[in-house]
Amino acid sequence: MATIKPTLHHVTMKTSRLDDMIAWYALVLGAQVQFRDATACWMTNDAANHRIAFLAVPGLGDDAEKVRHNGMHHCAFEYASFADLMESFDRLRQAGVEPAFCLDHGLTISLYYQDPEGNYVELQSDNFSDWKASSEWMRTSADFATNPIGTFFDPAKVYAAFKSGQDFKTLQKSVRAGAYLPNPIPGIGLPMP
């Protein structure tokens, strides 16, 4: 019997910072509250009934060793274009929200932010503008096999190059080659050897 493949519908997070989480996801993703009470909230940024939910359960506490524990590393949201991603970067930067780190994974350009609970949220655009092409590149590229995590980049420098008129393909090649490295290279929310 063939597997019926469901699509991802929503992500639910536990929080002790319900108001902060609602405000952050509204700002970063344009998510709107569908329903909220004192202990929970459901939000969406598209036609679905909800894409993100929060459960504000009494007794939750911060995990000082979160980086060292099993769990989800990040969730990701994709923009239709690199231009949309860059404009969102600038909008968020003007609102005081900066990425924790940025990577060109080869198949995507990705900006990783941290929400008020320290969860990573990836905002990305597909470098191929075609999931079939990027999937094929991921499976067959020696470049991806050699460097699957990707190349760090400074988003302000990439944004400036983009706004100066540099075309995407040239810019993306330069990013992947390391022309826009940040100083210092940031951590990615994982214990490092």
Protein backbone atom coordinates (compact mmCIF):
# COMPACT_ATOMS: atom_id res chain seq x y z
CA MET A 1 0.00 0.00 0.00
CA ALA A 2 1.36 3.43 -0.96
CA THR A 3 2.04 5.99 1.72
CA ILE A 4 -0.41 8.89 1.73
CA LYS A 5 1.82 11.93 2.23
CA PRO A 6 0.42 14.64 4.50
CA THR A 7 1.65 18.23 4.41
CA LEU A 8 2.94 20.07 7.45
CA HIS A 9 0.08 22.12 8.88
CA HIS A 10 1.32 23.84 12.04
CA VAL A 11 3.93 24.01 14.77
CA THR A 12 2.96 24.24 18.45
CA MET A 13 5.35 25.61 21.05
CA LYS A 14 5.27 25.72 24.84
CA THR A 15 5.97 29.15 26.28
CA SER A 16 6.06 31.19 29.46
CA ARG A 17 6.17 34.37 27.33
CA LEU A 18 2.82 34.25 25.51
CA ASP A 19 2.49 37.98 24.81
CA ASP A 20 6.10 38.27 23.61
CA MET A 21 5.75 35.25 21.33
CA ILE A 22 2.52 36.56 19.79
CA ALA A 23 4.07 39.97 19.14
CA TRP A 24 7.27 38.48 17.67
CA TYR A 25 5.54 36.12 15.24
CA ALA A 26 3.15 38.90 14.20
CA LEU A 27 6.12 41.14 13.41
CA VAL A 28 8.39 38.57 11.78
CA LEU A 29 5.87 36.45 9.84
CA GLY A 30 2.89 38.77 9.57
CA ALA A 31 0.89 36.18 11.53
CA GLN A 32 -2.52 37.14 12.86
CA VAL A 33 -4.25 35.83 15.96
CA GLN A 34 -7.12 33.49 15.11
CA PHE A 35 -8.00 32.78 18.74
CA ARG A 36 -6.40 33.56 22.06
CA ASP A 37 -7.17 33.03 25.71
CA ALA A 38 -5.08 33.24 28.89
CA THR A 39 -3.21 29.97 28.25
CA ALA A 40 -3.04 29.51 24.47
CA CYS A 41 -3.00 31.22 21.09
CA TRP A 42 -3.45 30.11 17.48
CA MET A 43 -2.03 32.25 14.64
CA THR A 44 -1.83 32.10 10.85
CA ASN A 45 -0.16 34.03 8.04
CA ASP A 46 -2.11 32.43 5.19
CA ALA A 47 -5.53 30.86 4.50
CA ALA A 48 -5.04 27.99 6.98
CA ASN A 49 -6.94 28.11 10.26
CA HIS A 50 -3.58 28.21 12.05
CA ARG A 51 0.11 27.63 11.33
CA ILE A 52 1.57 28.41 14.77
CA ALA A 53 0.15 27.68 18.19
CA PHE A 54 1.40 28.53 21.66
CA LEU A 55 0.57 26.79 24.91
CA ALA A 56 1.29 28.88 28.01
CA VAL A 57 1.42 26.18 30.65
CA PRO A 58 2.13 27.22 34.26
CA GLY A 59 5.43 25.95 35.63
CA LEU A 60 7.50 26.18 32.45
CA GLY A 61 11.05 27.42 32.83
CA ASP A 62 14.01 28.33 30.67
CA ASP A 63 16.55 25.65 29.77
CA ALA A 64 20.05 27.05 30.20
CA GLU A 65 21.43 23.98 28.38
CA LYS A 66 18.90 24.08 25.50
CA VAL A 67 21.69 23.93 22.92
CA ARG A 68 22.90 20.62 24.38
CA HIS A 69 19.52 18.88 24.56
CA ASN A 70 17.58 16.91 21.99
CA GLY A 71 14.77 18.80 20.33
CA MET A 72 13.81 20.74 17.25
CA HIS A 73 16.55 23.07 16.00
CA HIS A 74 14.38 25.37 13.86
CA CYS A 75 11.30 25.78 11.72
CA ALA A 76 11.54 27.47 8.32
CA PHE A 77 9.38 29.79 6.24
CA GLU A 78 10.03 30.39 2.55
CA TYR A 79 9.64 33.60 0.57
CA ALA A 80 8.69 33.54 -3.10
CA SER A 81 11.89 35.36 -4.06
CA PHE A 82 15.28 36.54 -2.84
CA ALA A 83 14.02 40.12 -3.25
CA ASP A 84 11.16 39.41 -0.81
CA LEU A 85 13.62 37.86 1.66
CA MET A 86 15.93 40.89 1.47
CA GLU A 87 13.07 43.37 1.88
CA SER A 88 11.88 41.42 4.93
CA PHE A 89 15.43 41.48 6.33
CA ASP A 90 15.47 45.27 6.00
CA ARG A 91 11.98 45.67 7.53
CA LEU A 92 12.91 43.51 10.51
CA ARG A 93 16.29 45.22 10.94
CA GLN A 94 14.54 48.59 11.07
CA ALA A 95 12.26 47.14 13.79
CA GLY A 96 15.34 46.04 15.78
CA VAL A 97 15.13 42.33 14.91
CA GLU A 98 18.46 40.99 13.62
CA PRO A 99 19.33 37.47 12.43
CA ALA A 100 21.35 35.27 14.80
CA PHE A 101 23.21 33.84 11.81
CA CYS A 102 22.85 33.55 8.03
CA LEU A 103 23.81 30.72 5.68
CA ASP A 104 23.81 30.06 1.97
CA HIS A 105 23.01 26.35 1.91
CA GLY A 106 23.49 26.21 -1.85
CA LEU A 107 19.84 25.37 -2.38
CA THR A 108 18.58 28.27 -0.23
CA ILE A 109 19.69 31.62 1.13
CA SER A 110 18.67 31.50 4.80
CA LEU A 111 18.41 33.99 7.66
CA TYR A 112 18.02 32.44 11.13
CA TYR A 113 16.33 34.48 13.84
CA GLN A 114 15.62 33.64 17.49
CA ASP A 115 12.16 34.17 18.94
CA PRO A 116 11.67 35.32 22.56
CA GLU A 117 12.00 31.70 23.81
CA GLY A 118 15.28 31.18 21.92
CA ASN A 119 13.75 28.97 19.20
CA TYR A 120 15.36 29.40 15.80
CA VAL A 121 13.15 30.52 12.91
CA GLU A 122 14.62 30.30 9.41
CA LEU A 123 13.45 32.72 6.73
CA GLN A 124 14.63 31.54 3.32
CA SER A 125 14.33 31.79 -0.43
CA ASP A 126 15.05 28.97 -2.86
CA ASN A 127 18.17 29.68 -4.95
CA PHE A 128 16.68 27.85 -7.92
CA SER A 129 13.13 29.27 -7.68
CA ASP A 130 12.07 25.71 -8.43
CA TRP A 131 11.82 22.94 -5.83
CA LYS A 132 12.39 20.23 -8.42
CA ALA A 133 15.68 21.84 -9.52
CA SER A 134 16.87 22.51 -5.96
CA SER A 135 15.96 18.94 -4.92
CA GLU A 136 17.97 17.55 -7.84
CA TRP A 137 20.93 19.79 -6.94
CA MET A 138 20.75 18.64 -3.31
CA ARG A 139 20.80 14.95 -4.31
CA THR A 140 23.53 15.17 -6.94
CA SER A 141 25.77 18.18 -6.24
CA ALA A 142 29.35 17.56 -5.13
CA ASP A 143 29.25 21.10 -3.70
CA PHE A 144 26.36 20.19 -1.38
CA ALA A 145 27.94 16.85 -0.44
CA THR A 146 31.13 18.70 0.55
CA ASN A 147 29.42 21.58 2.36
CA PRO A 148 25.80 20.73 3.30
CA ILE A 149 25.56 23.28 6.13
CA GLY A 150 26.63 26.09 3.85
CA THR A 151 28.56 29.34 3.89
CA PHE A 152 28.01 32.04 6.49
CA PHE A 153 27.32 35.56 5.27
CA ASP A 154 26.78 39.05 6.65
CA PRO A 155 23.19 39.96 5.71
CA ALA A 156 23.80 43.73 5.80
CA LYS A 157 26.59 43.40 3.22
CA VAL A 158 24.49 41.12 1.02
CA TYR A 159 21.52 43.48 1.30
CA ALA A 160 23.73 46.44 0.29
CA ALA A 161 25.05 44.53 -2.74
CA PHE A 162 21.49 43.55 -3.70
CA LYS A 163 20.26 47.15 -3.39
CA SER A 164 23.20 48.38 -5.49
CA GLY A 165 21.83 46.32 -8.38
CA GLN A 166 23.97 43.20 -8.29
CA ASP A 167 22.04 40.41 -10.02
CA PHE A 168 20.97 37.44 -7.89
CA LYS A 169 23.02 34.70 -9.61
CA THR A 170 26.27 36.68 -9.34
CA LEU A 171 25.50 37.66 -5.75
CA GLN A 172 24.60 34.11 -4.74
CA LYS A 173 27.83 32.74 -6.27
CA SER A 174 29.83 35.34 -4.33
CA VAL A 175 28.01 34.50 -1.09
CA ARG A 176 28.61 30.76 -1.55
CA ALA A 177 32.29 31.46 -2.32
CA GLY A 178 32.68 33.30 1.00
CA ALA A 179 32.89 36.89 -0.25
CA TYR A 180 30.49 38.19 2.43
CA LEU A 181 31.67 36.35 5.54
CA PRO A 182 30.67 37.87 8.89
CA ASN A 183 33.27 38.71 11.50
CA PRO A 184 33.21 36.80 13.77
CA ILE A 185 31.62 33.62 12.45
CA PRO A 186 28.56 33.06 14.68
CA GLY A 187 27.45 29.88 16.39
CA ILE A 188 24.46 28.02 14.95
CA GLY A 189 22.78 26.87 18.13
CA LEU A 190 24.53 23.52 18.36
CA PRO A 191 27.30 22.34 20.68
CA MET A 192 30.57 22.69 18.84
CA PRO A 193 33.43 20.18 19.28
